[in-house]
Each structure stands twice: as structure tokens, then as C-alpha cells.
Amino acid sequence: LLDAGHFALEDQLDTVAGYARGFLGRVL
């Protein structure tokens, strides 16, 4: 849960991308 609103990617892109990369690295 980020300190963000509905479109979290708009101001938290680097954070979201980091979580996605880490998750995909672990899962795949």
C-alpha cells in the first residue's frame, strides 16, 4: 500500500516498477 491515490503509477512509477520487477524475478 503506497502513499498514493487511484492512479498510483502517475506519481509512484519507480516504486511500482521496483515491486513488479522483484515479484516477477521471484515468481519467474
mmCIF file of all heavy atoms, coordinates in Angstrom:
data_MODEL
# 
_entry.id   MODEL 
# 
loop_
_atom_site.group_PDB 
_atom_site.id 
_atom_site.type_symbol 
_atom_site.label_atom_id 
_atom_site.label_alt_id 
_atom_site.label_comp_id 
_atom_site.label_asym_id 
_atom_site.label_entity_id 
_atom_site.label_seq_id 
_atom_site.pdbx_PDB_ins_code 
_atom_site.Cartn_x 
_atom_site.Cartn_y 
_atom_site.Cartn_z 
_atom_site.occupancy 
_atom_site.B_iso_or_equiv 
_atom_site.pdbx_formal_charge 
_atom_site.auth_seq_id 
_atom_site.auth_comp_id 
_atom_site.auth_asym_id 
_atom_site.auth_atom_id 
_atom_site.pdbx_PDB_model_num 
ATOM 1   N N   . LEU A 1 1  ? 0.853  -1.179  0.000   1.00 0.00 ? 1  LEU A N   1 
ATOM 2   C CA  . LEU A 1 1  ? 0.000  0.000   0.000   1.00 0.00 ? 1  LEU A CA  1 
ATOM 3   C C   . LEU A 1 1  ? 0.892  1.233   0.000   1.00 0.00 ? 1  LEU A C   1 
ATOM 4   O O   . LEU A 1 1  ? 1.670  1.444   0.931   1.00 0.00 ? 1  LEU A O   1 
ATOM 5   C CB  . LEU A 1 1  ? -0.917 0.002   1.221   1.00 0.00 ? 1  LEU A CB  1 
ATOM 6   C CG  . LEU A 1 1  ? -1.902 -1.172  1.300   1.00 0.00 ? 1  LEU A CG  1 
ATOM 7   C CD1 . LEU A 1 1  ? -2.680 -1.129  2.603   1.00 0.00 ? 1  LEU A CD1 1 
ATOM 8   C CD2 . LEU A 1 1  ? -2.840 -1.176  0.109   1.00 0.00 ? 1  LEU A CD2 1 
ATOM 9   N N   . LEU A 1 2  ? 0.787  2.006   -1.065  1.00 0.00 ? 2  LEU A N   1 
ATOM 10  C CA  . LEU A 1 2  ? 1.624  3.188   -1.236  1.00 0.00 ? 2  LEU A CA  1 
ATOM 11  C C   . LEU A 1 2  ? 0.893  4.444   -0.794  1.00 0.00 ? 2  LEU A C   1 
ATOM 12  O O   . LEU A 1 2  ? -0.336 4.491   -0.793  1.00 0.00 ? 2  LEU A O   1 
ATOM 13  C CB  . LEU A 1 2  ? 2.017  3.335   -2.709  1.00 0.00 ? 2  LEU A CB  1 
ATOM 14  C CG  . LEU A 1 2  ? 2.667  2.133   -3.380  1.00 0.00 ? 2  LEU A CG  1 
ATOM 15  C CD1 . LEU A 1 2  ? 2.991  2.465   -4.825  1.00 0.00 ? 2  LEU A CD1 1 
ATOM 16  C CD2 . LEU A 1 2  ? 3.906  1.703   -2.626  1.00 0.00 ? 2  LEU A CD2 1 
ATOM 17  N N   . ASP A 1 3  ? 1.654  5.475   -0.464  1.00 0.00 ? 3  ASP A N   1 
ATOM 18  C CA  . ASP A 1 3  ? 1.075  6.777   -0.169  1.00 0.00 ? 3  ASP A CA  1 
ATOM 19  C C   . ASP A 1 3  ? 0.694  7.413   -1.506  1.00 0.00 ? 3  ASP A C   1 
ATOM 20  O O   . ASP A 1 3  ? 1.397  8.268   -2.046  1.00 0.00 ? 3  ASP A O   1 
ATOM 21  C CB  . ASP A 1 3  ? 2.081  7.643   0.591   1.00 0.00 ? 3  ASP A CB  1 
ATOM 22  C CG  . ASP A 1 3  ? 1.468  8.939   1.094   1.00 0.00 ? 3  ASP A CG  1 
ATOM 23  O OD1 . ASP A 1 3  ? 0.221  9.065   1.070   1.00 0.00 ? 3  ASP A OD1 1 
ATOM 24  O OD2 . ASP A 1 3  ? 2.223  9.824   1.514   1.00 0.00 ? 3  ASP A OD2 1 
ATOM 25  N N   . ALA A 1 4  ? -0.411 6.939   -2.066  1.00 0.00 ? 4  ALA A N   1 
ATOM 26  C CA  . ALA A 1 4  ? -0.835 7.329   -3.412  1.00 0.00 ? 4  ALA A CA  1 
ATOM 27  C C   . ALA A 1 4  ? -2.350 7.248   -3.484  1.00 0.00 ? 4  ALA A C   1 
ATOM 28  O O   . ALA A 1 4  ? -3.008 6.717   -2.591  1.00 0.00 ? 4  ALA A O   1 
ATOM 29  C CB  . ALA A 1 4  ? -0.205 6.401   -4.456  1.00 0.00 ? 4  ALA A CB  1 
ATOM 30  N N   . GLY A 1 5  ? -2.880 7.764   -4.586  1.00 0.00 ? 5  GLY A N   1 
ATOM 31  C CA  . GLY A 1 5  ? -4.307 7.722   -4.834  1.00 0.00 ? 5  GLY A CA  1 
ATOM 32  C C   . GLY A 1 5  ? -4.657 6.625   -5.831  1.00 0.00 ? 5  GLY A C   1 
ATOM 33  O O   . GLY A 1 5  ? -4.002 5.581   -5.898  1.00 0.00 ? 5  GLY A O   1 
ATOM 34  N N   . HIS A 1 6  ? -5.686 6.892   -6.651  1.00 0.00 ? 6  HIS A N   1 
ATOM 35  C CA  . HIS A 1 6  ? -6.224 5.893   -7.564  1.00 0.00 ? 6  HIS A CA  1 
ATOM 36  C C   . HIS A 1 6  ? -5.232 5.508   -8.661  1.00 0.00 ? 6  HIS A C   1 
ATOM 37  O O   . HIS A 1 6  ? -5.096 4.328   -8.981  1.00 0.00 ? 6  HIS A O   1 
ATOM 38  C CB  . HIS A 1 6  ? -7.520 6.418   -8.188  1.00 0.00 ? 6  HIS A CB  1 
ATOM 39  C CG  . HIS A 1 6  ? -8.206 5.434   -9.065  1.00 0.00 ? 6  HIS A CG  1 
ATOM 40  N ND1 . HIS A 1 6  ? -8.670 4.223   -8.590  1.00 0.00 ? 6  HIS A ND1 1 
ATOM 41  C CD2 . HIS A 1 6  ? -8.517 5.473   -10.382 1.00 0.00 ? 6  HIS A CD2 1 
ATOM 42  C CE1 . HIS A 1 6  ? -9.237 3.562   -9.590  1.00 0.00 ? 6  HIS A CE1 1 
ATOM 43  N NE2 . HIS A 1 6  ? -9.155 4.296   -10.684 1.00 0.00 ? 6  HIS A NE2 1 
ATOM 44  N N   . PHE A 1 7  ? -4.550 6.480   -9.229  1.00 0.00 ? 7  PHE A N   1 
ATOM 45  C CA  . PHE A 1 7  ? -3.585 6.199   -10.291 1.00 0.00 ? 7  PHE A CA  1 
ATOM 46  C C   . PHE A 1 7  ? -2.174 6.242   -9.708  1.00 0.00 ? 7  PHE A C   1 
ATOM 47  O O   . PHE A 1 7  ? -1.388 7.155   -9.968  1.00 0.00 ? 7  PHE A O   1 
ATOM 48  C CB  . PHE A 1 7  ? -3.738 7.198   -11.449 1.00 0.00 ? 7  PHE A CB  1 
ATOM 49  C CG  . PHE A 1 7  ? -5.016 7.029   -12.219 1.00 0.00 ? 7  PHE A CG  1 
ATOM 50  C CD1 . PHE A 1 7  ? -5.986 8.010   -12.218 1.00 0.00 ? 7  PHE A CD1 1 
ATOM 51  C CD2 . PHE A 1 7  ? -5.246 5.885   -12.965 1.00 0.00 ? 7  PHE A CD2 1 
ATOM 52  C CE1 . PHE A 1 7  ? -7.162 7.856   -12.939 1.00 0.00 ? 7  PHE A CE1 1 
ATOM 53  C CE2 . PHE A 1 7  ? -6.417 5.721   -13.689 1.00 0.00 ? 7  PHE A CE2 1 
ATOM 54  C CZ  . PHE A 1 7  ? -7.385 6.708   -13.671 1.00 0.00 ? 7  PHE A CZ  1 
ATOM 55  N N   . ALA A 1 8  ? -1.844 5.236   -8.925  1.00 0.00 ? 8  ALA A N   1 
ATOM 56  C CA  . ALA A 1 8  ? -0.554 5.203   -8.212  1.00 0.00 ? 8  ALA A CA  1 
ATOM 57  C C   . ALA A 1 8  ? 0.639  5.282   -9.159  1.00 0.00 ? 8  ALA A C   1 
ATOM 58  O O   . ALA A 1 8  ? 1.680  5.834   -8.801  1.00 0.00 ? 8  ALA A O   1 
ATOM 59  C CB  . ALA A 1 8  ? -0.471 3.941   -7.360  1.00 0.00 ? 8  ALA A CB  1 
ATOM 60  N N   . LEU A 1 9  ? 0.498  4.761   -10.360 1.00 0.00 ? 9  LEU A N   1 
ATOM 61  C CA  . LEU A 1 9  ? 1.610  4.811   -11.314 1.00 0.00 ? 9  LEU A CA  1 
ATOM 62  C C   . LEU A 1 9  ? 2.005  6.233   -11.676 1.00 0.00 ? 9  LEU A C   1 
ATOM 63  O O   . LEU A 1 9  ? 3.157  6.485   -12.022 1.00 0.00 ? 9  LEU A O   1 
ATOM 64  C CB  . LEU A 1 9  ? 1.250  4.072   -12.604 1.00 0.00 ? 9  LEU A CB  1 
ATOM 65  C CG  . LEU A 1 9  ? 1.297  2.556   -12.557 1.00 0.00 ? 9  LEU A CG  1 
ATOM 66  C CD1 . LEU A 1 9  ? 0.740  1.984   -13.849 1.00 0.00 ? 9  LEU A CD1 1 
ATOM 67  C CD2 . LEU A 1 9  ? 2.693  2.065   -12.304 1.00 0.00 ? 9  LEU A CD2 1 
ATOM 68  N N   . GLU A 1 10 ? 1.070  7.154   -11.601 1.00 0.00 ? 10 GLU A N   1 
ATOM 69  C CA  . GLU A 1 10 ? 1.342  8.524   -12.039 1.00 0.00 ? 10 GLU A CA  1 
ATOM 70  C C   . GLU A 1 10 ? 2.383  9.225   -11.180 1.00 0.00 ? 10 GLU A C   1 
ATOM 71  O O   . GLU A 1 10 ? 3.125  10.053  -11.667 1.00 0.00 ? 10 GLU A O   1 
ATOM 72  C CB  . GLU A 1 10 ? 0.057  9.344   -12.085 1.00 0.00 ? 10 GLU A CB  1 
ATOM 73  C CG  . GLU A 1 10 ? -0.939 8.876   -13.111 1.00 0.00 ? 10 GLU A CG  1 
ATOM 74  C CD  . GLU A 1 10 ? -0.414 8.934   -14.542 1.00 0.00 ? 10 GLU A CD  1 
ATOM 75  O OE1 . GLU A 1 10 ? 0.384  9.821   -14.865 1.00 0.00 ? 10 GLU A OE1 1 
ATOM 76  O OE2 . GLU A 1 10 ? -0.815 8.076   -15.341 1.00 0.00 ? 10 GLU A OE2 1 
ATOM 77  N N   . ASP A 1 11 ? 2.423  8.914   -9.870  1.00 0.00 ? 11 ASP A N   1 
ATOM 78  C CA  . ASP A 1 11 ? 3.435  9.564   -9.042  1.00 0.00 ? 11 ASP A CA  1 
ATOM 79  C C   . ASP A 1 11 ? 4.358  8.584   -8.332  1.00 0.00 ? 11 ASP A C   1 
ATOM 80  O O   . ASP A 1 11 ? 5.278  8.998   -7.637  1.00 0.00 ? 11 ASP A O   1 
ATOM 81  C CB  . ASP A 1 11 ? 2.799  10.536  -8.044  1.00 0.00 ? 11 ASP A CB  1 
ATOM 82  C CG  . ASP A 1 11 ? 2.081  9.857   -6.902  1.00 0.00 ? 11 ASP A CG  1 
ATOM 83  O OD1 . ASP A 1 11 ? 1.472  8.805   -7.138  1.00 0.00 ? 11 ASP A OD1 1 
ATOM 84  O OD2 . ASP A 1 11 ? 2.109  10.382  -5.790  1.00 0.00 ? 11 ASP A OD2 1 
ATOM 85  N N   . GLN A 1 12 ? 4.133  7.296   -8.521  1.00 0.00 ? 12 GLN A N   1 
ATOM 86  C CA  . GLN A 1 12 ? 4.945  6.284   -7.843  1.00 0.00 ? 12 GLN A CA  1 
ATOM 87  C C   . GLN A 1 12 ? 5.478  5.238   -8.831  1.00 0.00 ? 12 GLN A C   1 
ATOM 88  O O   . GLN A 1 12 ? 5.677  4.076   -8.474  1.00 0.00 ? 12 GLN A O   1 
ATOM 89  C CB  . GLN A 1 12 ? 4.095  5.574   -6.778  1.00 0.00 ? 12 GLN A CB  1 
ATOM 90  C CG  . GLN A 1 12 ? 3.533  6.482   -5.725  1.00 0.00 ? 12 GLN A CG  1 
ATOM 91  C CD  . GLN A 1 12 ? 4.518  6.779   -4.624  1.00 0.00 ? 12 GLN A CD  1 
ATOM 92  O OE1 . GLN A 1 12 ? 5.466  6.036   -4.420  1.00 0.00 ? 12 GLN A OE1 1 
ATOM 93  N NE2 . GLN A 1 12 ? 4.303  7.858   -3.922  1.00 0.00 ? 12 GLN A NE2 1 
ATOM 94  N N   . LEU A 1 13 ? 5.706  5.642   -10.066 1.00 0.00 ? 13 LEU A N   1 
ATOM 95  C CA  . LEU A 1 13 ? 6.102  4.702   -11.117 1.00 0.00 ? 13 LEU A CA  1 
ATOM 96  C C   . LEU A 1 13 ? 7.335  3.888   -10.733 1.00 0.00 ? 13 LEU A C   1 
ATOM 97  O O   . LEU A 1 13 ? 7.346  2.661   -10.866 1.00 0.00 ? 13 LEU A O   1 
ATOM 98  C CB  . LEU A 1 13 ? 6.350  5.432   -12.433 1.00 0.00 ? 13 LEU A CB  1 
ATOM 99  C CG  . LEU A 1 13 ? 6.859  4.565   -13.593 1.00 0.00 ? 13 LEU A CG  1 
ATOM 100 C CD1 . LEU A 1 13 ? 5.845  3.492   -13.947 1.00 0.00 ? 13 LEU A CD1 1 
ATOM 101 C CD2 . LEU A 1 13 ? 7.177  5.421   -14.800 1.00 0.00 ? 13 LEU A CD2 1 
ATOM 102 N N   . ASP A 1 14 ? 8.373  4.534   -10.249 1.00 0.00 ? 14 ASP A N   1 
ATOM 103 C CA  . ASP A 1 14 ? 9.606  3.806   -9.924  1.00 0.00 ? 14 ASP A CA  1 
ATOM 104 C C   . ASP A 1 14 ? 9.369  2.783   -8.815  1.00 0.00 ? 14 ASP A C   1 
ATOM 105 O O   . ASP A 1 14 ? 9.892  1.666   -8.870  1.00 0.00 ? 14 ASP A O   1 
ATOM 106 C CB  . ASP A 1 14 ? 10.717 4.773   -9.526  1.00 0.00 ? 14 ASP A CB  1 
ATOM 107 C CG  . ASP A 1 14 ? 11.193 5.626   -10.692 1.00 0.00 ? 14 ASP A CG  1 
ATOM 108 O OD1 . ASP A 1 14 ? 10.954 5.252   -11.859 1.00 0.00 ? 14 ASP A OD1 1 
ATOM 109 O OD2 . ASP A 1 14 ? 11.795 6.689   -10.431 1.00 0.00 ? 14 ASP A OD2 1 
ATOM 110 N N   . THR A 1 15 ? 8.584  3.144   -7.830  1.00 0.00 ? 15 THR A N   1 
ATOM 111 C CA  . THR A 1 15 ? 8.282  2.225   -6.728  1.00 0.00 ? 15 THR A CA  1 
ATOM 112 C C   . THR A 1 15 ? 7.485  1.029   -7.233  1.00 0.00 ? 15 THR A C   1 
ATOM 113 O O   . THR A 1 15 ? 7.805  -0.126  -6.924  1.00 0.00 ? 15 THR A O   1 
ATOM 114 C CB  . THR A 1 15 ? 7.514  2.961   -5.619  1.00 0.00 ? 15 THR A CB  1 
ATOM 115 O OG1 . THR A 1 15 ? 8.320  4.045   -5.159  1.00 0.00 ? 15 THR A OG1 1 
ATOM 116 C CG2 . THR A 1 15 ? 7.180  2.042   -4.471  1.00 0.00 ? 15 THR A CG2 1 
ATOM 117 N N   . VAL A 1 16 ? 6.444  1.294   -8.009  1.00 0.00 ? 16 VAL A N   1 
ATOM 118 C CA  . VAL A 1 16 ? 5.607  0.211   -8.538  1.00 0.00 ? 16 VAL A CA  1 
ATOM 119 C C   . VAL A 1 16 ? 6.440  -0.701  -9.437  1.00 0.00 ? 16 VAL A C   1 
ATOM 120 O O   . VAL A 1 16 ? 6.372  -1.928  -9.328  1.00 0.00 ? 16 VAL A O   1 
ATOM 121 C CB  . VAL A 1 16 ? 4.385  0.770   -9.303  1.00 0.00 ? 16 VAL A CB  1 
ATOM 122 C CG1 . VAL A 1 16 ? 3.595  -0.359  -9.961  1.00 0.00 ? 16 VAL A CG1 1 
ATOM 123 C CG2 . VAL A 1 16 ? 3.491  1.581   -8.375  1.00 0.00 ? 16 VAL A CG2 1 
ATOM 124 N N   . ALA A 1 17 ? 7.252  -0.109  -10.303 1.00 0.00 ? 17 ALA A N   1 
ATOM 125 C CA  . ALA A 1 17 ? 8.096  -0.911  -11.201 1.00 0.00 ? 17 ALA A CA  1 
ATOM 126 C C   . ALA A 1 17 ? 9.071  -1.762  -10.403 1.00 0.00 ? 17 ALA A C   1 
ATOM 127 O O   . ALA A 1 17 ? 9.316  -2.930  -10.746 1.00 0.00 ? 17 ALA A O   1 
ATOM 128 C CB  . ALA A 1 17 ? 8.849  -0.002  -12.167 1.00 0.00 ? 17 ALA A CB  1 
ATOM 129 N N   . GLY A 1 18 ? 9.615  -1.227  -9.329  1.00 0.00 ? 18 GLY A N   1 
ATOM 130 C CA  . GLY A 1 18 ? 10.527 -1.994  -8.489  1.00 0.00 ? 18 GLY A CA  1 
ATOM 131 C C   . GLY A 1 18 ? 9.840  -3.197  -7.865  1.00 0.00 ? 18 GLY A C   1 
ATOM 132 O O   . GLY A 1 18 ? 10.398 -4.307  -7.855  1.00 0.00 ? 18 GLY A O   1 
ATOM 133 N N   . TYR A 1 19 ? 8.627  -2.998  -7.347  1.00 0.00 ? 19 TYR A N   1 
ATOM 134 C CA  . TYR A 1 19 ? 7.880  -4.132  -6.790  1.00 0.00 ? 19 TYR A CA  1 
ATOM 135 C C   . TYR A 1 19 ? 7.570  -5.161  -7.875  1.00 0.00 ? 19 TYR A C   1 
ATOM 136 O O   . TYR A 1 19 ? 7.675  -6.369  -7.648  1.00 0.00 ? 19 TYR A O   1 
ATOM 137 C CB  . TYR A 1 19 ? 6.582  -3.665  -6.132  1.00 0.00 ? 19 TYR A CB  1 
ATOM 138 C CG  . TYR A 1 19 ? 6.774  -3.016  -4.789  1.00 0.00 ? 19 TYR A CG  1 
ATOM 139 C CD1 . TYR A 1 19 ? 6.191  -1.797  -4.498  1.00 0.00 ? 19 TYR A CD1 1 
ATOM 140 C CD2 . TYR A 1 19 ? 7.530  -3.634  -3.791  1.00 0.00 ? 19 TYR A CD2 1 
ATOM 141 C CE1 . TYR A 1 19 ? 6.360  -1.191  -3.265  1.00 0.00 ? 19 TYR A CE1 1 
ATOM 142 C CE2 . TYR A 1 19 ? 7.699  -3.042  -2.546  1.00 0.00 ? 19 TYR A CE2 1 
ATOM 143 C CZ  . TYR A 1 19 ? 7.109  -1.827  -2.293  1.00 0.00 ? 19 TYR A CZ  1 
ATOM 144 O OH  . TYR A 1 19 ? 7.276  -1.235  -1.069  1.00 0.00 ? 19 TYR A OH  1 
ATOM 145 N N   . ALA A 1 20 ? 7.177  -4.698  -9.059  1.00 0.00 ? 20 ALA A N   1 
ATOM 146 C CA  . ALA A 1 20 ? 6.845  -5.618  -10.152 1.00 0.00 ? 20 ALA A CA  1 
ATOM 147 C C   . ALA A 1 20 ? 8.073  -6.412  -10.589 1.00 0.00 ? 20 ALA A C   1 
ATOM 148 O O   . ALA A 1 20 ? 7.998  -7.631  -10.784 1.00 0.00 ? 20 ALA A O   1 
ATOM 149 C CB  . ALA A 1 20 ? 6.251  -4.852  -11.332 1.00 0.00 ? 20 ALA A CB  1 
ATOM 150 N N   . ARG A 1 21 ? 9.200  -5.749  -10.731 1.00 0.00 ? 21 ARG A N   1 
ATOM 151 C CA  . ARG A 1 21 ? 10.429 -6.459  -11.131 1.00 0.00 ? 21 ARG A CA  1 
ATOM 152 C C   . ARG A 1 21 ? 10.830 -7.499  -10.091 1.00 0.00 ? 21 ARG A C   1 
ATOM 153 O O   . ARG A 1 21 ? 11.176 -8.633  -10.434 1.00 0.00 ? 21 ARG A O   1 
ATOM 154 C CB  . ARG A 1 21 ? 11.570 -5.466  -11.336 1.00 0.00 ? 21 ARG A CB  1 
ATOM 155 C CG  . ARG A 1 21 ? 11.485 -4.706  -12.619 1.00 0.00 ? 21 ARG A CG  1 
ATOM 156 C CD  . ARG A 1 21 ? 12.749 -3.861  -12.836 1.00 0.00 ? 21 ARG A CD  1 
ATOM 157 N NE  . ARG A 1 21 ? 12.551 -2.989  -13.956 1.00 0.00 ? 21 ARG A NE  1 
ATOM 158 C CZ  . ARG A 1 21 ? 12.370 -1.670  -13.863 1.00 0.00 ? 21 ARG A CZ  1 
ATOM 159 N NH1 . ARG A 1 21 ? 12.418 -1.062  -12.700 1.00 0.00 ? 21 ARG A NH1 1 
ATOM 160 N NH2 . ARG A 1 21 ? 12.189 -0.949  -14.960 1.00 0.00 ? 21 ARG A NH2 1 
ATOM 161 N N   . GLY A 1 22 ? 10.796 -7.112  -8.835  1.00 0.00 ? 22 GLY A N   1 
ATOM 162 C CA  . GLY A 1 22 ? 11.143 -8.046  -7.767  1.00 0.00 ? 22 GLY A CA  1 
ATOM 163 C C   . GLY A 1 22 ? 10.208 -9.247  -7.738  1.00 0.00 ? 22 GLY A C   1 
ATOM 164 O O   . GLY A 1 22 ? 10.652 -10.398 -7.641  1.00 0.00 ? 22 GLY A O   1 
ATOM 165 N N   . PHE A 1 23 ? 8.922  -8.986  -7.848  1.00 0.00 ? 23 PHE A N   1 
ATOM 166 C CA  . PHE A 1 23 ? 7.920  -10.052 -7.833  1.00 0.00 ? 23 PHE A CA  1 
ATOM 167 C C   . PHE A 1 23 ? 8.136  -11.002 -9.018  1.00 0.00 ? 23 PHE A C   1 
ATOM 168 O O   . PHE A 1 23 ? 8.183  -12.218 -8.833  1.00 0.00 ? 23 PHE A O   1 
ATOM 169 C CB  . PHE A 1 23 ? 6.512  -9.423  -7.888  1.00 0.00 ? 23 PHE A CB  1 
ATOM 170 C CG  . PHE A 1 23 ? 5.397  -10.420 -7.957  1.00 0.00 ? 23 PHE A CG  1 
ATOM 171 C CD1 . PHE A 1 23 ? 4.958  -11.074 -6.822  1.00 0.00 ? 23 PHE A CD1 1 
ATOM 172 C CD2 . PHE A 1 23 ? 4.777  -10.695 -9.168  1.00 0.00 ? 23 PHE A CD2 1 
ATOM 173 C CE1 . PHE A 1 23 ? 3.920  -11.988 -6.879  1.00 0.00 ? 23 PHE A CE1 1 
ATOM 174 C CE2 . PHE A 1 23 ? 3.732  -11.604 -9.245  1.00 0.00 ? 23 PHE A CE2 1 
ATOM 175 C CZ  . PHE A 1 23 ? 3.303  -12.245 -8.092  1.00 0.00 ? 23 PHE A CZ  1 
ATOM 176 N N   . LEU A 1 24 ? 8.272  -10.453 -10.206 1.00 0.00 ? 24 LEU A N   1 
ATOM 177 C CA  . LEU A 1 24 ? 8.466  -11.302 -11.390 1.00 0.00 ? 24 LEU A CA  1 
ATOM 178 C C   . LEU A 1 24 ? 9.775  -12.072 -11.295 1.00 0.00 ? 24 LEU A C   1 
ATOM 179 O O   . LEU A 1 24 ? 9.836  -13.233 -11.712 1.00 0.00 ? 24 LEU A O   1 
ATOM 180 C CB  . LEU A 1 24 ? 8.408  -10.460 -12.670 1.00 0.00 ? 24 LEU A CB  1 
ATOM 181 C CG  . LEU A 1 24 ? 7.034  -9.889  -12.992 1.00 0.00 ? 24 LEU A CG  1 
ATOM 182 C CD1 . LEU A 1 24 ? 7.118  -8.902  -14.142 1.00 0.00 ? 24 LEU A CD1 1 
ATOM 183 C CD2 . LEU A 1 24 ? 6.035  -10.995 -13.278 1.00 0.00 ? 24 LEU A CD2 1 
ATOM 184 N N   . GLY A 1 25 ? 10.808 -11.452 -10.753 1.00 0.00 ? 25 GLY A N   1 
ATOM 185 C CA  . GLY A 1 25 ? 12.078 -12.165 -10.579 1.00 0.00 ? 25 GLY A CA  1 
ATOM 186 C C   . GLY A 1 25 ? 11.930 -13.356 -9.654  1.00 0.00 ? 25 GLY A C   1 
ATOM 187 O O   . GLY A 1 25 ? 12.480 -14.433 -9.905  1.00 0.00 ? 25 GLY A O   1 
ATOM 188 N N   . ARG A 1 26 ? 11.166 -13.197 -8.571  1.00 0.00 ? 26 ARG A N   1 
ATOM 189 C CA  . ARG A 1 26 ? 10.946 -14.307 -7.634  1.00 0.00 ? 26 ARG A CA  1 
ATOM 190 C C   . ARG A 1 26 ? 10.028 -15.373 -8.215  1.00 0.00 ? 26 ARG A C   1 
ATOM 191 O O   . ARG A 1 26 ? 10.256 -16.566 -8.050  1.00 0.00 ? 26 ARG A O   1 
ATOM 192 C CB  . ARG A 1 26 ? 10.372 -13.780 -6.319  1.00 0.00 ? 26 ARG A CB  1 
ATOM 193 C CG  . ARG A 1 26 ? 11.383 -13.021 -5.478  1.00 0.00 ? 26 ARG A CG  1 
ATOM 194 C CD  . ARG A 1 26 ? 10.829 -12.643 -4.113  1.00 0.00 ? 26 ARG A CD  1 
ATOM 195 N NE  . ARG A 1 26 ? 9.666  -11.757 -4.175  1.00 0.00 ? 26 ARG A NE  1 
ATOM 196 C CZ  . ARG A 1 26 ? 9.717  -10.456 -4.438  1.00 0.00 ? 26 ARG A CZ  1 
ATOM 197 N NH1 . ARG A 1 26 ? 10.880 -9.868  -4.690  1.00 0.00 ? 26 ARG A NH1 1 
ATOM 198 N NH2 . ARG A 1 26 ? 8.617  -9.729  -4.442  1.00 0.00 ? 26 ARG A NH2 1 
ATOM 199 N N   . VAL A 1 27 ? 8.969  -14.946 -8.892  1.00 0.00 ? 27 VAL A N   1 
ATOM 200 C CA  . VAL A 1 27 ? 7.967  -15.882 -9.395  1.00 0.00 ? 27 VAL A CA  1 
ATOM 201 C C   . VAL A 1 27 ? 8.436  -16.611 -10.652 1.00 0.00 ? 27 VAL A C   1 
ATOM 202 O O   . VAL A 1 27 ? 8.200  -17.818 -10.803 1.00 0.00 ? 27 VAL A O   1 
ATOM 203 C CB  . VAL A 1 27 ? 6.624  -15.157 -9.639  1.00 0.00 ? 27 VAL A CB  1 
ATOM 204 C CG1 . VAL A 1 27 ? 5.641  -16.033 -10.367 1.00 0.00 ? 27 VAL A CG1 1 
ATOM 205 C CG2 . VAL A 1 27 ? 6.038  -14.675 -8.320  1.00 0.00 ? 27 VAL A CG2 1 
ATOM 206 N N   . LEU A 1 28 ? 9.095  -15.890 -11.527 1.00 0.00 ? 28 LEU A N   1 
ATOM 207 C CA  . LEU A 1 28 ? 9.516  -16.481 -12.800 1.00 0.00 ? 28 LEU A CA  1 
ATOM 208 C C   . LEU A 1 28 ? 10.964 -16.970 -12.767 1.00 0.00 ? 28 LEU A C   1 
ATOM 209 O O   . LEU A 1 28 ? 11.378 -17.711 -13.651 1.00 0.00 ? 28 LEU A O   1 
ATOM 210 C CB  . LEU A 1 28 ? 9.351  -15.469 -13.942 1.00 0.00 ? 28 LEU A CB  1 
ATOM 211 C CG  . LEU A 1 28 ? 7.926  -14.957 -14.163 1.00 0.00 ? 28 LEU A CG  1 
ATOM 212 C CD1 . LEU A 1 28 ? 7.925  -13.903 -15.257 1.00 0.00 ? 28 LEU A CD1 1 
ATOM 213 C CD2 . LEU A 1 28 ? 6.988  -16.086 -14.462 1.00 0.00 ? 28 LEU A CD2 1 
# 
